[in-house]
Protein backbone atom coordinates (compact mmCIF):
# COMPACT_ATOMS: atom_id res chain seq x y z
CA MET A 1 45.52 -46.97 32.06
CA LYS A 2 42.30 -44.96 32.39
CA ASP A 3 41.97 -41.49 30.94
CA VAL A 4 42.38 -39.31 34.01
CA LEU A 5 43.26 -35.71 34.83
CA VAL A 6 45.03 -34.29 37.87
CA ARG A 7 44.85 -30.60 38.78
CA ALA A 8 47.28 -29.31 41.38
CA THR A 9 49.06 -26.31 42.81
CA ALA A 10 52.70 -25.78 43.80
CA CYS A 11 55.01 -23.16 45.30
CA GLU A 12 52.43 -21.96 47.84
CA GLY A 13 49.79 -21.37 45.18
CA MET A 14 52.04 -19.40 42.84
CA VAL A 15 52.11 -22.24 40.29
CA ARG A 16 49.08 -23.99 38.78
CA CYS A 17 49.56 -27.31 37.03
CA VAL A 18 47.40 -29.87 35.24
CA ALA A 19 48.27 -33.18 33.60
CA ALA A 20 46.03 -35.67 31.79
CA ILE A 21 46.13 -39.06 30.12
CA THR A 22 43.82 -38.94 27.08
CA THR A 23 44.75 -42.12 25.20
CA GLN A 24 41.30 -43.70 25.10
CA LEU A 25 39.37 -40.55 24.23
CA VAL A 26 41.78 -39.65 21.40
CA ASP A 27 41.53 -43.21 20.08
CA ASP A 28 37.72 -42.97 20.33
CA ALA A 29 37.69 -39.69 18.37
CA SER A 30 40.10 -41.09 15.76
CA ARG A 31 37.91 -44.15 15.27
CA ARG A 32 34.66 -42.17 15.11
CA HIS A 33 35.97 -39.74 12.51
CA ARG A 34 38.09 -42.31 10.62
CA VAL A 35 40.99 -39.88 10.59
CA SER A 36 44.46 -40.31 9.13
CA PRO A 37 47.43 -40.73 11.51
CA THR A 38 48.47 -37.10 10.92
CA VAL A 39 44.99 -35.80 11.74
CA SER A 40 44.84 -38.12 14.76
CA ALA A 41 47.93 -36.35 16.10
CA ALA A 42 46.58 -32.85 15.37
CA LEU A 43 43.04 -33.49 16.59
CA GLY A 44 44.29 -35.52 19.57
CA ARG A 45 46.58 -32.73 20.72
CA THR A 46 43.72 -30.22 20.45
CA LEU A 47 41.32 -32.52 22.32
CA THR A 48 43.90 -32.87 25.08
CA ALA A 49 44.34 -29.09 25.20
CA GLY A 50 40.56 -28.83 25.57
CA VAL A 51 40.61 -31.23 28.52
CA LEU A 52 43.39 -29.22 30.21
CA LEU A 53 41.67 -25.85 29.69
CA GLY A 54 38.29 -27.32 30.65
CA SER A 55 39.67 -28.27 34.06
CA LEU A 56 40.24 -24.57 34.79
CA LEU A 57 36.60 -23.61 34.18
CA LYS A 58 33.75 -23.03 36.58
CA ASP A 59 31.28 -25.93 36.77
CA THR A 60 28.75 -24.17 34.53
CA GLU A 61 31.18 -23.12 31.80
CA LYS A 62 32.52 -24.66 28.62
CA VAL A 63 35.47 -23.78 26.39
CA THR A 64 35.80 -24.00 22.63
CA ILE A 65 39.16 -24.12 20.86
CA LEU A 66 38.94 -23.20 17.20
CA LEU A 67 41.82 -23.34 14.74
CA GLN A 68 41.06 -21.50 11.52
CA CYS A 69 44.06 -22.43 9.45
CA THR A 70 45.46 -22.43 5.93
CA GLY A 71 46.90 -25.96 5.99
CA PRO A 72 45.21 -28.95 4.31
CA ILE A 73 43.50 -30.02 7.55
CA GLY A 74 41.23 -27.00 7.00
CA GLY A 75 40.49 -26.33 10.66
CA ILE A 76 39.89 -28.00 14.03
CA THR A 77 37.06 -27.42 16.50
CA VAL A 78 37.12 -28.78 20.06
CA GLU A 79 34.65 -28.19 22.89
CA ALA A 80 35.22 -29.17 26.54
CA ASP A 81 33.52 -28.64 29.89
CA ALA A 82 34.58 -28.67 33.53
CA GLN A 83 33.31 -32.22 34.09
CA GLY A 84 35.97 -33.83 31.89
CA ASN A 85 33.85 -34.17 28.74
CA VAL A 86 35.39 -33.23 25.41
CA ARG A 87 34.38 -33.55 21.77
CA GLY A 88 35.81 -32.28 18.51
CA TYR A 89 36.50 -32.76 14.83
CA ALA A 90 38.83 -31.76 12.01
CA LYS A 91 37.41 -30.23 8.85
CA ASN A 92 39.37 -32.55 6.55
CA PRO A 93 39.87 -35.75 8.59
CA HIS A 94 41.62 -37.81 5.90
CA VAL A 95 44.53 -35.49 5.13
CA ASP A 96 47.83 -37.29 5.60
CA LEU A 97 51.38 -36.06 5.20
CA PRO A 98 54.80 -37.74 5.23
CA LEU A 99 56.68 -37.72 8.54
CA ASN A 100 58.75 -34.60 9.15
CA GLU A 101 62.54 -34.44 9.42
CA ARG A 102 62.34 -35.60 13.05
CA LYS A 103 60.31 -38.66 11.99
CA LYS A 104 57.26 -37.23 13.72
CA PHE A 105 53.80 -36.50 12.37
CA ASP A 106 53.85 -33.29 10.35
CA VAL A 107 51.16 -31.53 12.36
CA ARG A 108 52.76 -28.18 11.54
CA GLY A 109 52.39 -28.88 7.82
CA ALA A 110 48.79 -30.05 8.22
CA VAL A 111 47.76 -26.97 10.21
CA GLY A 112 49.80 -24.25 8.50
CA SER A 113 49.17 -20.64 9.51
CA GLY A 114 46.00 -18.85 10.58
CA MET A 115 44.32 -17.95 13.86
CA LEU A 116 43.66 -19.71 17.15
CA TYR A 117 40.43 -18.71 18.92
CA VAL A 118 39.43 -19.68 22.46
CA LEU A 119 35.84 -19.05 23.60
CA ARG A 120 34.68 -19.38 27.20
CA GLU A 121 30.95 -19.27 27.80
CA ALA A 122 28.14 -20.55 30.00
CA ASP A 123 27.11 -24.12 29.21
CA TYR A 124 23.58 -23.42 27.99
CA TYR A 125 22.50 -27.07 28.04
CA ARG A 126 23.49 -27.37 31.70
CA THR A 127 22.22 -24.04 32.95
CA GLY A 128 19.55 -22.90 30.52
CA LEU A 129 21.21 -19.48 30.70
CA PHE A 130 22.88 -17.51 27.94
CA ARG A 131 25.49 -14.83 28.25
CA ASP A 132 27.92 -13.31 25.82
CA PRO A 133 31.04 -15.49 25.58
CA TYR A 134 34.58 -14.31 26.19
CA CYS A 135 36.66 -14.75 23.04
CA GLY A 136 40.42 -14.42 22.79
CA SER A 137 42.55 -14.98 19.72
CA VAL A 138 46.18 -15.10 18.62
CA PRO A 139 47.95 -15.92 15.37
CA ILE A 140 49.04 -19.53 14.98
CA ILE A 141 52.78 -19.28 15.58
CA SER A 142 53.89 -22.88 15.00
CA GLY A 143 51.00 -25.16 14.06
CA GLU A 144 52.22 -27.73 16.58
CA ILE A 145 49.20 -26.93 18.82
CA ALA A 146 51.01 -26.97 22.20
CA GLU A 147 53.11 -23.91 21.41
CA ASP A 148 50.06 -22.14 20.02
CA VAL A 149 47.95 -22.81 23.12
CA ALA A 150 50.81 -21.68 25.37
CA TYR A 151 51.18 -18.52 23.28
CA TYR A 152 47.46 -17.83 23.59
CA LEU A 153 47.49 -18.24 27.38
CA THR A 154 50.56 -16.03 27.75
CA GLN A 155 49.51 -13.31 25.32
CA SER A 156 45.71 -13.20 25.47
CA GLU A 157 45.09 -14.20 29.09
CA GLN A 158 48.39 -12.77 30.40
CA ILE A 159 49.31 -15.99 32.27
CA PRO A 160 52.83 -17.30 31.52
CA SER A 161 52.28 -20.92 30.54
CA ALA A 162 54.11 -24.03 29.42
CA VAL A 163 52.12 -26.63 27.48
CA SER A 164 53.12 -30.08 26.28
CA LEU A 165 50.82 -32.29 24.18
CA GLY A 166 51.41 -35.59 22.43
CA VAL A 167 49.84 -38.48 20.51
CA PHE A 168 51.57 -41.77 19.65
CA VAL A 169 49.97 -44.29 17.28
CA LEU A 170 50.79 -47.86 16.23
CA PRO A 171 49.53 -50.11 13.41
CA ASP A 172 46.59 -52.31 14.38
CA GLU A 173 45.34 -55.65 13.03
CA GLU A 174 41.67 -54.63 12.90
CA ARG A 175 42.05 -51.06 11.60
CA PRO A 176 44.82 -48.90 10.10
CA PHE A 177 46.16 -47.75 13.47
CA ARG A 178 45.36 -47.31 17.15
CA VAL A 179 46.36 -44.61 19.60
CA GLU A 180 48.79 -46.16 22.08
CA ALA A 181 49.50 -43.03 24.11
CA ALA A 182 48.08 -39.50 24.31
CA GLY A 183 48.17 -36.82 26.96
CA GLY A 184 49.59 -33.51 28.03
CA PHE A 185 50.40 -31.11 30.82
CA LEU A 186 50.00 -27.41 31.54
CA ILE A 187 52.05 -25.34 34.00
CA GLN A 188 51.18 -21.71 34.75
CA THR A 189 52.81 -19.12 37.00
CA PHE A 190 51.07 -16.20 38.67
CA PRO A 191 52.29 -12.65 39.43
CA GLY A 192 54.66 -12.58 42.36
CA VAL A 193 56.41 -15.88 41.65
CA SER A 194 60.17 -15.51 42.20
CA ASP A 195 62.70 -15.37 39.40
CA GLU A 196 64.43 -18.40 40.90
CA VAL A 197 61.26 -20.48 40.65
CA LEU A 198 60.75 -19.33 37.06
CA ARG A 199 64.30 -20.28 36.09
CA ASN A 200 64.06 -23.67 37.79
CA LEU A 201 60.70 -24.46 36.19
CA GLU A 202 61.94 -23.45 32.76
CA ARG A 203 64.94 -25.78 33.06
CA SER A 204 62.79 -28.59 34.38
CA VAL A 205 60.13 -28.30 31.68
CA LEU A 206 62.74 -28.14 28.92
CA ALA A 207 64.36 -31.31 30.28
CA THR A 208 61.05 -33.19 30.53
CA PRO A 209 60.70 -36.08 28.04
CA TYR A 210 57.89 -36.21 25.48
CA VAL A 211 54.53 -36.80 27.17
CA THR A 212 53.88 -39.91 25.09
CA GLU A 213 57.27 -41.31 26.09
CA MET A 214 56.38 -40.93 29.77
CA ILE A 215 52.93 -42.48 29.27
CA ARG A 216 54.41 -45.45 27.41
CA GLN A 217 56.75 -45.95 30.36
CA GLY A 218 53.68 -46.32 32.58
CA MET A 219 53.61 -42.86 34.14
CA GLY A 220 50.29 -41.37 35.22
CA PRO A 221 49.38 -37.68 35.58
CA ARG A 222 50.97 -37.41 39.03
CA GLU A 223 54.31 -38.76 37.82
CA ILE A 224 54.18 -36.53 34.74
CA LEU A 225 53.61 -33.45 36.91
CA GLN A 226 56.43 -34.41 39.25
CA THR A 227 58.79 -34.86 36.30
CA ALA A 228 57.82 -31.49 34.81
CA LEU A 229 58.04 -29.64 38.15
CA GLY A 230 61.40 -31.09 39.06
CA ALA A 231 62.27 -30.49 42.72
CA TYR A 232 59.00 -28.72 43.54
CA THR A 233 56.26 -30.69 45.30
CA PHE A 234 52.59 -30.13 44.55
CA GLU A 235 49.22 -30.45 46.25
CA ILE A 236 46.43 -32.29 44.42
CA LEU A 237 43.25 -30.23 44.12
CA GLU A 238 41.27 -32.56 41.89
CA GLU A 239 41.51 -35.92 40.17
CA LYS A 240 38.86 -37.09 37.73
CA GLU A 241 38.26 -39.24 34.67
CA VAL A 242 38.01 -37.57 31.26
CA ARG A 243 36.22 -38.84 28.18
CA PHE A 244 35.10 -38.14 24.62
CA ALA A 245 31.40 -37.32 25.00
CA CYS A 246 29.00 -35.55 22.67
CA THR A 247 25.86 -33.63 23.56
CA CYS A 248 24.00 -34.68 20.42
CA SER A 249 20.99 -37.02 20.67
CA PRO A 250 18.04 -38.23 18.57
CA GLU A 251 15.83 -35.72 20.39
CA ARG A 252 18.09 -32.77 19.51
CA ALA A 253 18.36 -33.93 15.91
CA ARG A 254 14.56 -34.11 15.77
CA ARG A 255 14.27 -30.58 17.17
CA LEU A 256 16.62 -29.32 14.45
CA LEU A 257 14.44 -30.91 11.79
CA ALA A 258 11.31 -29.50 13.43
CA ALA A 259 12.80 -26.01 13.14
CA LEU A 260 12.95 -26.29 9.33
CA ASP A 261 10.33 -24.72 7.11
CA SER A 262 7.51 -27.12 6.19
CA LYS A 263 8.40 -26.70 2.50
CA GLU A 264 11.85 -28.11 3.19
CA LEU A 265 10.38 -31.06 5.08
CA CYS A 266 7.97 -31.72 2.22
CA ALA A 267 10.85 -31.66 -0.26
CA MET A 268 12.80 -34.20 1.87
CA LEU A 269 9.74 -36.42 2.06
CA ARG A 270 9.03 -36.20 -1.67
CA GLU A 271 12.61 -36.50 -2.96
CA ASP A 272 14.32 -38.73 -0.39
CA GLY A 273 11.53 -40.39 1.54
CA GLY A 274 13.23 -39.38 4.79
CA ALA A 275 16.16 -37.44 6.22
CA GLU A 276 19.63 -38.13 7.56
CA MET A 277 21.59 -35.90 9.94
CA THR A 278 25.26 -36.30 10.89
CA CYS A 279 26.83 -34.69 13.97
CA HIS A 280 30.09 -32.97 13.05
CA PHE A 281 31.47 -33.41 16.57
CA CYS A 282 31.12 -37.19 16.94
CA ASN A 283 30.08 -38.44 13.47
CA ALA A 284 26.88 -40.00 14.84
CA VAL A 285 24.20 -40.39 12.15
CA TYR A 286 20.49 -39.95 12.86
CA HIS A 287 17.93 -41.37 10.42
CA PHE A 288 14.34 -40.20 10.05
CA ASN A 289 11.94 -42.15 7.85
CA ALA A 290 8.88 -40.95 5.96
CA ASP A 291 6.59 -41.47 8.96
CA ASP A 292 8.90 -39.35 11.12
CA LEU A 293 8.73 -36.49 8.63
CA ARG A 294 4.96 -36.78 8.32
CA ALA A 295 4.69 -36.56 12.12
CA LEU A 296 6.83 -33.40 12.12
CA LEU A 297 4.67 -31.88 9.38
CA SER A 298 1.53 -32.73 11.33
CA GLU A 299 2.96 -31.08 14.44
CA SER A 300 3.90 -28.03 12.38
CA ASP A 301 0.37 -27.76 10.96
CA SER A 302 -1.20 -28.08 14.42
CA THR A 303 0.86 -25.20 15.79
CA ALA A 304 0.44 -22.96 12.76
C-alpha cells in the first residue's frame, strides 16, 4: 500500500479529519538513520504527526515539531510541508528499551519529560521570503507522542483534537527489522459543534482499534477515517501521496562550506585533505576532496 494522506471534513464543516498511511516513509527514515526499534516507533510517530499537521498548512508554509526531552532518546526534530514531504531525526538513534508492560515499545520511557514545540513558518526555500515563525509549546504530558500532539493542539491552538499514531515493526532477513505498518489520524472539532456530536465522536474514537492494526488488516486512510468517525460520513477535500524527502543537496553543502572562514578551510585542507558533511535530517554524507577545498579558497580570495 502506498503512503497516502486523506484530508476531509464532516458534520457540515464542524469536524476536520485527516488520516495517513506512512509505512514506507517511516521505514525509509529508520533505514537511513539506522535506528533501534524503540526509536523507530518514537521517530515514526513524530514523522506521522508532521505529515498530519503539514496537511493543514498553506502551500507556502512548513511546520517543525521539536521534542526537547529528558529521556535517553535526547530529542526528536521533524519538519514537514504542505506537499506531503517530511524529514526528521532523533538525537540518539540507537537507544533501545525493553518492551513495556503492554508488550509495546517503551516510547514513553525513551522520551521522558520535557517540552513539545511546534513552529509554523514560511518555507524560505520555496518562497524566498522570511517572516517570523509562530511558535507554540506545551509540556510533554505522556511521552507517547500522540497524546502530546493532541494536548498541544487543544491547549496552544485552542482546537479540541484527537490524535492516534502508530508504528509496527517485524524482524527482517536483510536487516534487524522492517516497518510493516505506520500511520495515524487526526480529528478536530470547531466552535459550535453540538454536544451530541462531541459525545458520539469521543465514544467512536475510544472504540477505534490501533492504527497499525487497521493498516495490517488492509485499511487505507478512508477506511480508517470512517472507523474513527463512526456513523458520521465525510467529504474528501484532498488525497495525496506522502514521502520522506530532504531538502539537502551537494550544492547546499558546498554553500555551507563556502560560508566558513578561509582559515578553517585551510585547516581542513592541511589536516584532513578534504571535508565531510552529514545531514542530520536524512543522514546523507557529502564528501569534498582537496581540489574542492582549493576551489572554494580560490573563490573566497577572488571575492575578498
